[in-house]
Structure formats: C-alpha cells, structure tokens
Amino acid sequence: MLIEFVILVPLLFSALIMSVEMSVYAMRHMFLDR
C-alpha cells in the first residue's frame, strides 16, 4: 500500500491543482465576458 500511495498521491494532487487552476481561469473568463 505504501508503494501505491507514493505513486498515486502526487498524481491526484497535481490533478487537484489543475482543477483549481482551470476553475479560477473559467471564473475569470466568465467575469470578463459579463
């Protein structure tokens, strides 16, 4: 389980960071459009 944890946690964390970045980008773009 430790090996799986070490491999998967960075992938999941980077996906979380990308989703936050995309959400903020989409919100900024919506406000600019408005």
PDB file of all heavy atoms in Angstrom:
ATOM      1  N   MET A   1       0.826  -1.207   0.000  1.00  0.00           N
ATOM      2  CA  MET A   1       0.000   0.000   0.000  1.00  0.00           C
ATOM      3  C   MET A   1       0.857   1.253   0.000  1.00  0.00           C
ATOM      4  O   MET A   1       0.483   2.267  -0.569  1.00  0.00           O
ATOM      5  CB  MET A   1      -0.938   0.008   1.206  1.00  0.00           C
ATOM      6  CG  MET A   1      -1.999  -1.067   1.154  1.00  0.00           C
ATOM      7  SD  MET A   1      -3.078  -0.891  -0.276  1.00  0.00           S
ATOM      8  CE  MET A   1      -4.023   0.514   0.222  1.00  0.00           C
ATOM      9  N   LEU A   2       2.013   1.208   0.629  1.00  0.00           N
ATOM     10  CA  LEU A   2       2.894   2.365   0.669  1.00  0.00           C
ATOM     11  C   LEU A   2       3.389   2.722  -0.720  1.00  0.00           C
ATOM     12  O   LEU A   2       3.421   3.897  -1.087  1.00  0.00           O
ATOM     13  CB  LEU A   2       4.075   2.101   1.610  1.00  0.00           C
ATOM     14  CG  LEU A   2       5.100   3.227   1.712  1.00  0.00           C
ATOM     15  CD1 LEU A   2       4.436   4.438   2.361  1.00  0.00           C
ATOM     16  CD2 LEU A   2       6.298   2.782   2.502  1.00  0.00           C
ATOM     17  N   ILE A   3       3.730   1.737  -1.515  1.00  0.00           N
ATOM     18  CA  ILE A   3       4.202   1.987  -2.880  1.00  0.00           C
ATOM     19  C   ILE A   3       3.090   2.603  -3.712  1.00  0.00           C
ATOM     20  O   ILE A   3       3.305   3.586  -4.439  1.00  0.00           O
ATOM     21  CB  ILE A   3       4.726   0.676  -3.516  1.00  0.00           C
ATOM     22  CG1 ILE A   3       5.995   0.229  -2.784  1.00  0.00           C
ATOM     23  CG2 ILE A   3       5.019   0.882  -4.996  1.00  0.00           C
ATOM     24  CD1 ILE A   3       6.457  -1.160  -3.156  1.00  0.00           C
ATOM     25  N   GLU A   4       1.885   2.082  -3.626  1.00  0.00           N
ATOM     26  CA  GLU A   4       0.747   2.668  -4.345  1.00  0.00           C
ATOM     27  C   GLU A   4       0.483   4.099  -3.886  1.00  0.00           C
ATOM     28  O   GLU A   4       0.198   4.976  -4.697  1.00  0.00           O
ATOM     29  CB  GLU A   4      -0.500   1.815  -4.142  1.00  0.00           C
ATOM     30  CG  GLU A   4      -0.443   0.485  -4.838  1.00  0.00           C
ATOM     31  CD  GLU A   4      -1.667  -0.353  -4.543  1.00  0.00           C
ATOM     32  OE1 GLU A   4      -2.582   0.121  -3.837  1.00  0.00           O
ATOM     33  OE2 GLU A   4      -1.709  -1.496  -5.026  1.00  0.00           O
ATOM     34  N   PHE A   5       0.578   4.335  -2.599  1.00  0.00           N
ATOM     35  CA  PHE A   5       0.366   5.667  -2.048  1.00  0.00           C
ATOM     36  C   PHE A   5       1.396   6.648  -2.605  1.00  0.00           C
ATOM     37  O   PHE A   5       1.044   7.743  -3.040  1.00  0.00           O
ATOM     38  CB  PHE A   5       0.450   5.603  -0.517  1.00  0.00           C
ATOM     39  CG  PHE A   5       0.255   6.919   0.158  1.00  0.00           C
ATOM     40  CD1 PHE A   5      -1.012   7.427   0.347  1.00  0.00           C
ATOM     41  CD2 PHE A   5       1.347   7.656   0.599  1.00  0.00           C
ATOM     42  CE1 PHE A   5      -1.201   8.643   0.977  1.00  0.00           C
ATOM     43  CE2 PHE A   5       1.172   8.873   1.222  1.00  0.00           C
ATOM     44  CZ  PHE A   5      -0.100   9.372   1.417  1.00  0.00           C
ATOM     45  N   VAL A   6       2.648   6.250  -2.626  1.00  0.00           N
ATOM     46  CA  VAL A   6       3.722   7.127  -3.110  1.00  0.00           C
ATOM     47  C   VAL A   6       3.548   7.434  -4.590  1.00  0.00           C
ATOM     48  O   VAL A   6       3.848   8.529  -5.044  1.00  0.00           O
ATOM     49  CB  VAL A   6       5.103   6.484  -2.832  1.00  0.00           C
ATOM     50  CG1 VAL A   6       6.214   7.204  -3.554  1.00  0.00           C
ATOM     51  CG2 VAL A   6       5.373   6.448  -1.336  1.00  0.00           C
ATOM     52  N   ILE A   7       3.027   6.502  -5.349  1.00  0.00           N
ATOM     53  CA  ILE A   7       2.831   6.726  -6.782  1.00  0.00           C
ATOM     54  C   ILE A   7       1.573   7.544  -7.059  1.00  0.00           C
ATOM     55  O   ILE A   7       1.585   8.465  -7.873  1.00  0.00           O
ATOM     56  CB  ILE A   7       2.773   5.377  -7.533  1.00  0.00           C
ATOM     57  CG1 ILE A   7       4.154   4.723  -7.495  1.00  0.00           C
ATOM     58  CG2 ILE A   7       2.331   5.573  -8.979  1.00  0.00           C
ATOM     59  CD1 ILE A   7       4.171   3.306  -8.016  1.00  0.00           C
ATOM     60  N   LEU A   8       0.477   7.242  -6.390  1.00  0.00           N
ATOM     61  CA  LEU A   8      -0.806   7.854  -6.712  1.00  0.00           C
ATOM     62  C   LEU A   8      -1.038   9.230  -6.095  1.00  0.00           C
ATOM     63  O   LEU A   8      -1.714  10.063  -6.705  1.00  0.00           O
ATOM     64  CB  LEU A   8      -1.945   6.916  -6.320  1.00  0.00           C
ATOM     65  CG  LEU A   8      -2.061   5.653  -7.161  1.00  0.00           C
ATOM     66  CD1 LEU A   8      -3.192   4.793  -6.651  1.00  0.00           C
ATOM     67  CD2 LEU A   8      -2.269   6.006  -8.619  1.00  0.00           C
ATOM     68  N   VAL A   9      -0.512   9.499  -4.916  1.00  0.00           N
ATOM     69  CA  VAL A   9      -0.792  10.784  -4.265  1.00  0.00           C
ATOM     70  C   VAL A   9      -0.274  11.977  -5.079  1.00  0.00           C
ATOM     71  O   VAL A   9      -1.002  12.958  -5.254  1.00  0.00           O
ATOM     72  CB  VAL A   9      -0.269  10.793  -2.816  1.00  0.00           C
ATOM     73  CG1 VAL A   9      -0.193  12.197  -2.253  1.00  0.00           C
ATOM     74  CG2 VAL A   9      -1.174   9.938  -1.956  1.00  0.00           C
ATOM     75  N   PRO A  10       0.947  11.947  -5.622  1.00  0.00           N
ATOM     76  CA  PRO A  10       1.362  13.088  -6.450  1.00  0.00           C
ATOM     77  C   PRO A  10       0.486  13.279  -7.684  1.00  0.00           C
ATOM     78  O   PRO A  10       0.203  14.420  -8.079  1.00  0.00           O
ATOM     79  CB  PRO A  10       2.804  12.747  -6.848  1.00  0.00           C
ATOM     80  CG  PRO A  10       3.273  11.814  -5.805  1.00  0.00           C
ATOM     81  CD  PRO A  10       2.066  11.028  -5.391  1.00  0.00           C
ATOM     82  N   LEU A  11       0.025  12.184  -8.285  1.00  0.00           N
ATOM     83  CA  LEU A  11      -0.861  12.308  -9.440  1.00  0.00           C
ATOM     84  C   LEU A  11      -2.194  12.938  -9.055  1.00  0.00           C
ATOM     85  O   LEU A  11      -2.709  13.815  -9.748  1.00  0.00           O
ATOM     86  CB  LEU A  11      -1.086  10.940 -10.077  1.00  0.00           C
ATOM     87  CG  LEU A  11       0.136  10.287 -10.727  1.00  0.00           C
ATOM     88  CD1 LEU A  11      -0.203   8.879 -11.176  1.00  0.00           C
ATOM     89  CD2 LEU A  11       0.629  11.119 -11.880  1.00  0.00           C
ATOM     90  N   LEU A  12      -2.759  12.488  -7.962  1.00  0.00           N
ATOM     91  CA  LEU A  12      -4.030  13.047  -7.502  1.00  0.00           C
ATOM     92  C   LEU A  12      -3.883  14.504  -7.081  1.00  0.00           C
ATOM     93  O   LEU A  12      -4.752  15.337  -7.352  1.00  0.00           O
ATOM     94  CB  LEU A  12      -4.593  12.206  -6.353  1.00  0.00           C
ATOM     95  CG  LEU A  12      -5.045  10.799  -6.720  1.00  0.00           C
ATOM     96  CD1 LEU A  12      -5.426  10.016  -5.477  1.00  0.00           C
ATOM     97  CD2 LEU A  12      -6.191  10.859  -7.698  1.00  0.00           C
ATOM     98  N   PHE A  13      -2.774  14.824  -6.439  1.00  0.00           N
ATOM     99  CA  PHE A  13      -2.534  16.204  -6.005  1.00  0.00           C
ATOM    100  C   PHE A  13      -2.350  17.126  -7.205  1.00  0.00           C
ATOM    101  O   PHE A  13      -2.875  18.241  -7.219  1.00  0.00           O
ATOM    102  CB  PHE A  13      -1.314  16.257  -5.082  1.00  0.00           C
ATOM    103  CG  PHE A  13      -1.135  17.574  -4.415  1.00  0.00           C
ATOM    104  CD1 PHE A  13      -2.039  18.020  -3.467  1.00  0.00           C
ATOM    105  CD2 PHE A  13      -0.072  18.400  -4.747  1.00  0.00           C
ATOM    106  CE1 PHE A  13      -1.887  19.245  -2.845  1.00  0.00           C
ATOM    107  CE2 PHE A  13       0.091  19.630  -4.142  1.00  0.00           C
ATOM    108  CZ  PHE A  13      -0.813  20.047  -3.190  1.00  0.00           C
ATOM    109  N   SER A  14      -1.645  16.670  -8.237  1.00  0.00           N
ATOM    110  CA  SER A  14      -1.478  17.509  -9.429  1.00  0.00           C
ATOM    111  C   SER A  14      -2.810  17.684 -10.159  1.00  0.00           C
ATOM    112  O   SER A  14      -3.089  18.756 -10.700  1.00  0.00           O
ATOM    113  CB  SER A  14      -0.411  16.940 -10.354  1.00  0.00           C
ATOM    114  OG  SER A  14      -0.780  15.678 -10.827  1.00  0.00           O
ATOM    115  N   ALA A  15      -3.657  16.655 -10.167  1.00  0.00           N
ATOM    116  CA  ALA A  15      -4.991  16.794 -10.767  1.00  0.00           C
ATOM    117  C   ALA A  15      -5.829  17.803  -9.990  1.00  0.00           C
ATOM    118  O   ALA A  15      -6.574  18.595 -10.574  1.00  0.00           O
ATOM    119  CB  ALA A  15      -5.694  15.445 -10.817  1.00  0.00           C
ATOM    120  N   LEU A  16      -5.694  17.806  -8.673  1.00  0.00           N
ATOM    121  CA  LEU A  16      -6.406  18.783  -7.851  1.00  0.00           C
ATOM    122  C   LEU A  16      -5.931  20.198  -8.161  1.00  0.00           C
ATOM    123  O   LEU A  16      -6.745  21.118  -8.333  1.00  0.00           O
ATOM    124  CB  LEU A  16      -6.195  18.474  -6.369  1.00  0.00           C
ATOM    125  CG  LEU A  16      -6.752  19.508  -5.396  1.00  0.00           C
ATOM    126  CD1 LEU A  16      -8.264  19.452  -5.389  1.00  0.00           C
ATOM    127  CD2 LEU A  16      -6.186  19.307  -4.014  1.00  0.00           C
ATOM    128  N   ILE A  17      -4.630  20.389  -8.271  1.00  0.00           N
ATOM    129  CA  ILE A  17      -4.080  21.718  -8.580  1.00  0.00           C
ATOM    130  C   ILE A  17      -4.557  22.186  -9.954  1.00  0.00           C
ATOM    131  O   ILE A  17      -4.947  23.345 -10.129  1.00  0.00           O
ATOM    132  CB  ILE A  17      -2.545  21.687  -8.498  1.00  0.00           C
ATOM    133  CG1 ILE A  17      -2.106  21.615  -7.038  1.00  0.00           C
ATOM    134  CG2 ILE A  17      -1.926  22.911  -9.160  1.00  0.00           C
ATOM    135  CD1 ILE A  17      -0.616  21.465  -6.853  1.00  0.00           C
ATOM    136  N   MET A  18      -4.543  21.286 -10.942  1.00  0.00           N
ATOM    137  CA  MET A  18      -5.000  21.662 -12.281  1.00  0.00           C
ATOM    138  C   MET A  18      -6.491  22.009 -12.291  1.00  0.00           C
ATOM    139  O   MET A  18      -6.912  22.926 -12.987  1.00  0.00           O
ATOM    140  CB  MET A  18      -4.706  20.552 -13.284  1.00  0.00           C
ATOM    141  CG  MET A  18      -3.251  20.486 -13.669  1.00  0.00           C
ATOM    142  SD  MET A  18      -2.908  19.459 -15.091  1.00  0.00           S
ATOM    143  CE  MET A  18      -3.280  17.836 -14.482  1.00  0.00           C
ATOM    144  N   SER A  19      -7.290  21.283 -11.514  1.00  0.00           N
ATOM    145  CA  SER A  19      -8.722  21.590 -11.494  1.00  0.00           C
ATOM    146  C   SER A  19      -8.993  22.936 -10.822  1.00  0.00           C
ATOM    147  O   SER A  19      -9.874  23.681 -11.258  1.00  0.00           O
ATOM    148  CB  SER A  19      -9.502  20.472 -10.804  1.00  0.00           C
ATOM    149  OG  SER A  19      -9.184  20.400  -9.434  1.00  0.00           O
ATOM    150  N   VAL A  20      -8.234  23.269  -9.796  1.00  0.00           N
ATOM    151  CA  VAL A  20      -8.382  24.587  -9.164  1.00  0.00           C
ATOM    152  C   VAL A  20      -7.975  25.681 -10.143  1.00  0.00           C
ATOM    153  O   VAL A  20      -8.669  26.691 -10.289  1.00  0.00           O
ATOM    154  CB  VAL A  20      -7.548  24.664  -7.858  1.00  0.00           C
ATOM    155  CG1 VAL A  20      -7.458  26.086  -7.348  1.00  0.00           C
ATOM    156  CG2 VAL A  20      -8.140  23.753  -6.799  1.00  0.00           C
ATOM    157  N   GLU A  21      -6.862  25.499 -10.845  1.00  0.00           N
ATOM    158  CA  GLU A  21      -6.399  26.482 -11.829  1.00  0.00           C
ATOM    159  C   GLU A  21      -7.429  26.670 -12.936  1.00  0.00           C
ATOM    160  O   GLU A  21      -7.738  27.793 -13.333  1.00  0.00           O
ATOM    161  CB  GLU A  21      -5.059  26.039 -12.416  1.00  0.00           C
ATOM    162  CG  GLU A  21      -4.429  27.044 -13.349  1.00  0.00           C
ATOM    163  CD  GLU A  21      -3.759  28.184 -12.627  1.00  0.00           C
ATOM    164  OE1 GLU A  21      -2.923  27.924 -11.758  1.00  0.00           O
ATOM    165  OE2 GLU A  21      -4.076  29.348 -12.944  1.00  0.00           O
ATOM    166  N   MET A  22      -7.980  25.581 -13.443  1.00  0.00           N
ATOM    167  CA  MET A  22      -8.982  25.669 -14.504  1.00  0.00           C
ATOM    168  C   MET A  22     -10.260  26.331 -14.012  1.00  0.00           C
ATOM    169  O   MET A  22     -10.882  27.105 -14.742  1.00  0.00           O
ATOM    170  CB  MET A  22      -9.286  24.267 -15.045  1.00  0.00           C
ATOM    171  CG  MET A  22     -10.169  24.268 -16.243  1.00  0.00           C
ATOM    172  SD  MET A  22      -9.368  25.144 -17.587  1.00  0.00           S
ATOM    173  CE  MET A  22     -10.749  25.445 -18.637  1.00  0.00           C
ATOM    174  N   SER A  23     -10.643  26.072 -12.789  1.00  0.00           N
ATOM    175  CA  SER A  23     -11.845  26.695 -12.224  1.00  0.00           C
ATOM    176  C   SER A  23     -11.669  28.206 -12.103  1.00  0.00           C
ATOM    177  O   SER A  23     -12.572  28.976 -12.448  1.00  0.00           O
ATOM    178  CB  SER A  23     -12.152  26.108 -10.846  1.00  0.00           C
ATOM    179  OG  SER A  23     -12.392  24.744 -10.937  1.00  0.00           O
ATOM    180  N   VAL A  24     -10.517  28.636 -11.631  1.00  0.00           N
ATOM    181  CA  VAL A  24     -10.260  30.071 -11.494  1.00  0.00           C
ATOM    182  C   VAL A  24     -10.186  30.720 -12.869  1.00  0.00           C
ATOM    183  O   VAL A  24     -10.705  31.815 -13.083  1.00  0.00           O
ATOM    184  CB  VAL A  24      -8.978  30.324 -10.672  1.00  0.00           C
ATOM    185  CG1 VAL A  24      -8.577  31.773 -10.702  1.00  0.00           C
ATOM    186  CG2 VAL A  24      -9.178  29.865  -9.237  1.00  0.00           C
ATOM    187  N   TYR A  25      -9.567  30.043 -13.838  1.00  0.00           N
ATOM    188  CA  TYR A  25      -9.499  30.567 -15.203  1.00  0.00           C
ATOM    189  C   TYR A  25     -10.905  30.727 -15.781  1.00  0.00           C
ATOM    190  O   TYR A  25     -11.231  31.757 -16.372  1.00  0.00           O
ATOM    191  CB  TYR A  25      -8.663  29.631 -16.080  1.00  0.00           C
ATOM    192  CG  TYR A  25      -8.554  30.080 -17.515  1.00  0.00           C
ATOM    193  CD1 TYR A  25      -7.574  30.993 -17.896  1.00  0.00           C
ATOM    194  CD2 TYR A  25      -9.426  29.611 -18.490  1.00  0.00           C
ATOM    195  CE1 TYR A  25      -7.470  31.414 -19.198  1.00  0.00           C
ATOM    196  CE2 TYR A  25      -9.331  30.028 -19.798  1.00  0.00           C
ATOM    197  CZ  TYR A  25      -8.348  30.924 -20.156  1.00  0.00           C
ATOM    198  OH  TYR A  25      -8.252  31.354 -21.457  1.00  0.00           O
ATOM    199  N   ALA A  26     -11.744  29.715 -15.613  1.00  0.00           N
ATOM    200  CA  ALA A  26     -13.112  29.773 -16.136  1.00  0.00           C
ATOM    201  C   ALA A  26     -13.914  30.882 -15.462  1.00  0.00           C
ATOM    202  O   ALA A  26     -14.705  31.572 -16.111  1.00  0.00           O
ATOM    203  CB  ALA A  26     -13.798  28.423 -15.942  1.00  0.00           C
ATOM    204  N   MET A  27     -13.699  31.074 -14.164  1.00  0.00           N
ATOM    205  CA  MET A  27     -14.417  32.129 -13.452  1.00  0.00           C
ATOM    206  C   MET A  27     -13.957  33.508 -13.940  1.00  0.00           C
ATOM    207  O   MET A  27     -14.783  34.398 -14.167  1.00  0.00           O
ATOM    208  CB  MET A  27     -14.184  31.985 -11.946  1.00  0.00           C
ATOM    209  CG  MET A  27     -15.116  32.824 -11.122  1.00  0.00           C
ATOM    210  SD  MET A  27     -15.117  32.399  -9.374  1.00  0.00           S
ATOM    211  CE  MET A  27     -13.428  32.572  -8.918  1.00  0.00           C
ATOM    212  N   ARG A  28     -12.659  33.693 -14.130  1.00  0.00           N
ATOM    213  CA  ARG A  28     -12.153  34.969 -14.654  1.00  0.00           C
ATOM    214  C   ARG A  28     -12.712  35.237 -16.039  1.00  0.00           C
ATOM    215  O   ARG A  28     -13.090  36.362 -16.366  1.00  0.00           O
ATOM    216  CB  ARG A  28     -10.631  34.940 -14.717  1.00  0.00           C
ATOM    217  CG  ARG A  28      -9.959  35.088 -13.394  1.00  0.00           C
ATOM    218  CD  ARG A  28      -8.459  34.994 -13.552  1.00  0.00           C
ATOM    219  NE  ARG A  28      -7.792  35.221 -12.284  1.00  0.00           N
ATOM    220  CZ  ARG A  28      -6.608  34.745 -11.976  1.00  0.00           C
ATOM    221  NH1 ARG A  28      -5.939  34.024 -12.854  1.00  0.00           N
ATOM    222  NH2 ARG A  28      -6.078  34.999 -10.809  1.00  0.00           N
ATOM    223  N   HIS A  29     -12.748  34.200 -16.867  1.00  0.00           N
ATOM    224  CA  HIS A  29     -13.249  34.377 -18.228  1.00  0.00           C
ATOM    225  C   HIS A  29     -14.735  34.709 -18.225  1.00  0.00           C
ATOM    226  O   HIS A  29     -15.196  35.540 -19.019  1.00  0.00           O
ATOM    227  CB  HIS A  29     -12.990  33.116 -19.050  1.00  0.00           C
ATOM    228  CG  HIS A  29     -12.942  33.375 -20.512  1.00  0.00           C
ATOM    229  ND1 HIS A  29     -14.075  33.518 -21.263  1.00  0.00           N
ATOM    230  CD2 HIS A  29     -11.900  33.546 -21.353  1.00  0.00           C
ATOM    231  CE1 HIS A  29     -13.744  33.756 -22.517  1.00  0.00           C
ATOM    232  NE2 HIS A  29     -12.423  33.781 -22.595  1.00  0.00           N
ATOM    233  N   MET A  30     -15.493  34.094 -17.328  1.00  0.00           N
ATOM    234  CA  MET A  30     -16.916  34.402 -17.218  1.00  0.00           C
ATOM    235  C   MET A  30     -17.127  35.865 -16.809  1.00  0.00           C
ATOM    236  O   MET A  30     -17.982  36.548 -17.357  1.00  0.00           O
ATOM    237  CB  MET A  30     -17.581  33.469 -16.197  1.00  0.00           C
ATOM    238  CG  MET A  30     -19.065  33.660 -16.129  1.00  0.00           C
ATOM    239  SD  MET A  30     -19.853  33.803 -14.512  1.00  0.00           S
ATOM    240  CE  MET A  30     -18.665  34.058 -13.328  1.00  0.00           C
ATOM    241  N   PHE A  31     -16.319  36.341 -15.860  1.00  0.00           N
ATOM    242  CA  PHE A  31     -16.449  37.727 -15.439  1.00  0.00           C
ATOM    243  C   PHE A  31     -16.046  38.697 -16.554  1.00  0.00           C
ATOM    244  O   PHE A  31     -16.667  39.746 -16.723  1.00  0.00           O
ATOM    245  CB  PHE A  31     -15.620  37.998 -14.178  1.00  0.00           C
ATOM    246  CG  PHE A  31     -16.301  37.590 -12.912  1.00  0.00           C
ATOM    247  CD1 PHE A  31     -15.837  36.520 -12.173  1.00  0.00           C
ATOM    248  CD2 PHE A  31     -17.417  38.272 -12.449  1.00  0.00           C
ATOM    249  CE1 PHE A  31     -16.465  36.137 -11.006  1.00  0.00           C
ATOM    250  CE2 PHE A  31     -18.061  37.898 -11.282  1.00  0.00           C
ATOM    251  CZ  PHE A  31     -17.582  36.822 -10.558  1.00  0.00           C
ATOM    252  N   LEU A  32     -15.017  38.363 -17.323  1.00  0.00           N
ATOM    253  CA  LEU A  32     -14.632  39.210 -18.454  1.00  0.00           C
ATOM    254  C   LEU A  32     -15.750  39.238 -19.490  1.00  0.00           C
ATOM    255  O   LEU A  32     -16.100  40.312 -20.005  1.00  0.00           O
ATOM    256  CB  LEU A  32     -13.329  38.709 -19.083  1.00  0.00           C
ATOM    257  CG  LEU A  32     -12.853  39.467 -20.321  1.00  0.00           C
ATOM    258  CD1 LEU A  32     -12.540  40.920 -19.976  1.00  0.00           C
ATOM    259  CD2 LEU A  32     -11.635  38.786 -20.917  1.00  0.00           C
ATOM    260  N   ASP A  33     -16.334  38.077 -19.805  1.00  0.00           N
ATOM    261  CA  ASP A  33     -17.456  38.023 -20.747  1.00  0.00           C
ATOM    262  C   ASP A  33     -18.636  38.856 -20.261  1.00  0.00           C
ATOM    263  O   ASP A  33     -19.259  39.582 -21.035  1.00  0.00           O
ATOM    264  CB  ASP A  33     -17.919  36.580 -20.947  1.00  0.00           C
ATOM    265  CG  ASP A  33     -16.993  35.777 -21.834  1.00  0.00           C
ATOM    266  OD1 ASP A  33     -16.171  36.378 -22.550  1.00  0.00           O
ATOM    267  OD2 ASP A  33     -17.082  34.531 -21.790  1.00  0.00           O
ATOM    268  N   ARG A  34     -18.920  38.761 -18.977  1.00  0.00           N
ATOM    269  CA  ARG A  34     -20.042  39.530 -18.405  1.00  0.00           C
ATOM    270  C   ARG A  34     -19.786  41.024 -18.521  1.00  0.00           C
ATOM    271  O   ARG A  34     -20.655  41.785 -18.939  1.00  0.00           O
ATOM    272  CB  ARG A  34     -20.256  39.151 -16.946  1.00  0.00           C
ATOM    273  CG  ARG A  34     -21.377  39.932 -16.286  1.00  0.00           C
ATOM    274  CD  ARG A  34     -21.503  39.573 -14.807  1.00  0.00           C
ATOM    275  NE  ARG A  34     -22.603  40.261 -14.196  1.00  0.00           N
ATOM    276  CZ  ARG A  34     -22.535  41.497 -13.694  1.00  0.00           C
ATOM    277  NH1 ARG A  34     -21.408  42.166 -13.742  1.00  0.00           N
ATOM    278  NH2 ARG A  34     -23.592  42.064 -13.145  1.00  0.00           N
TER     279      ARG A  34
END
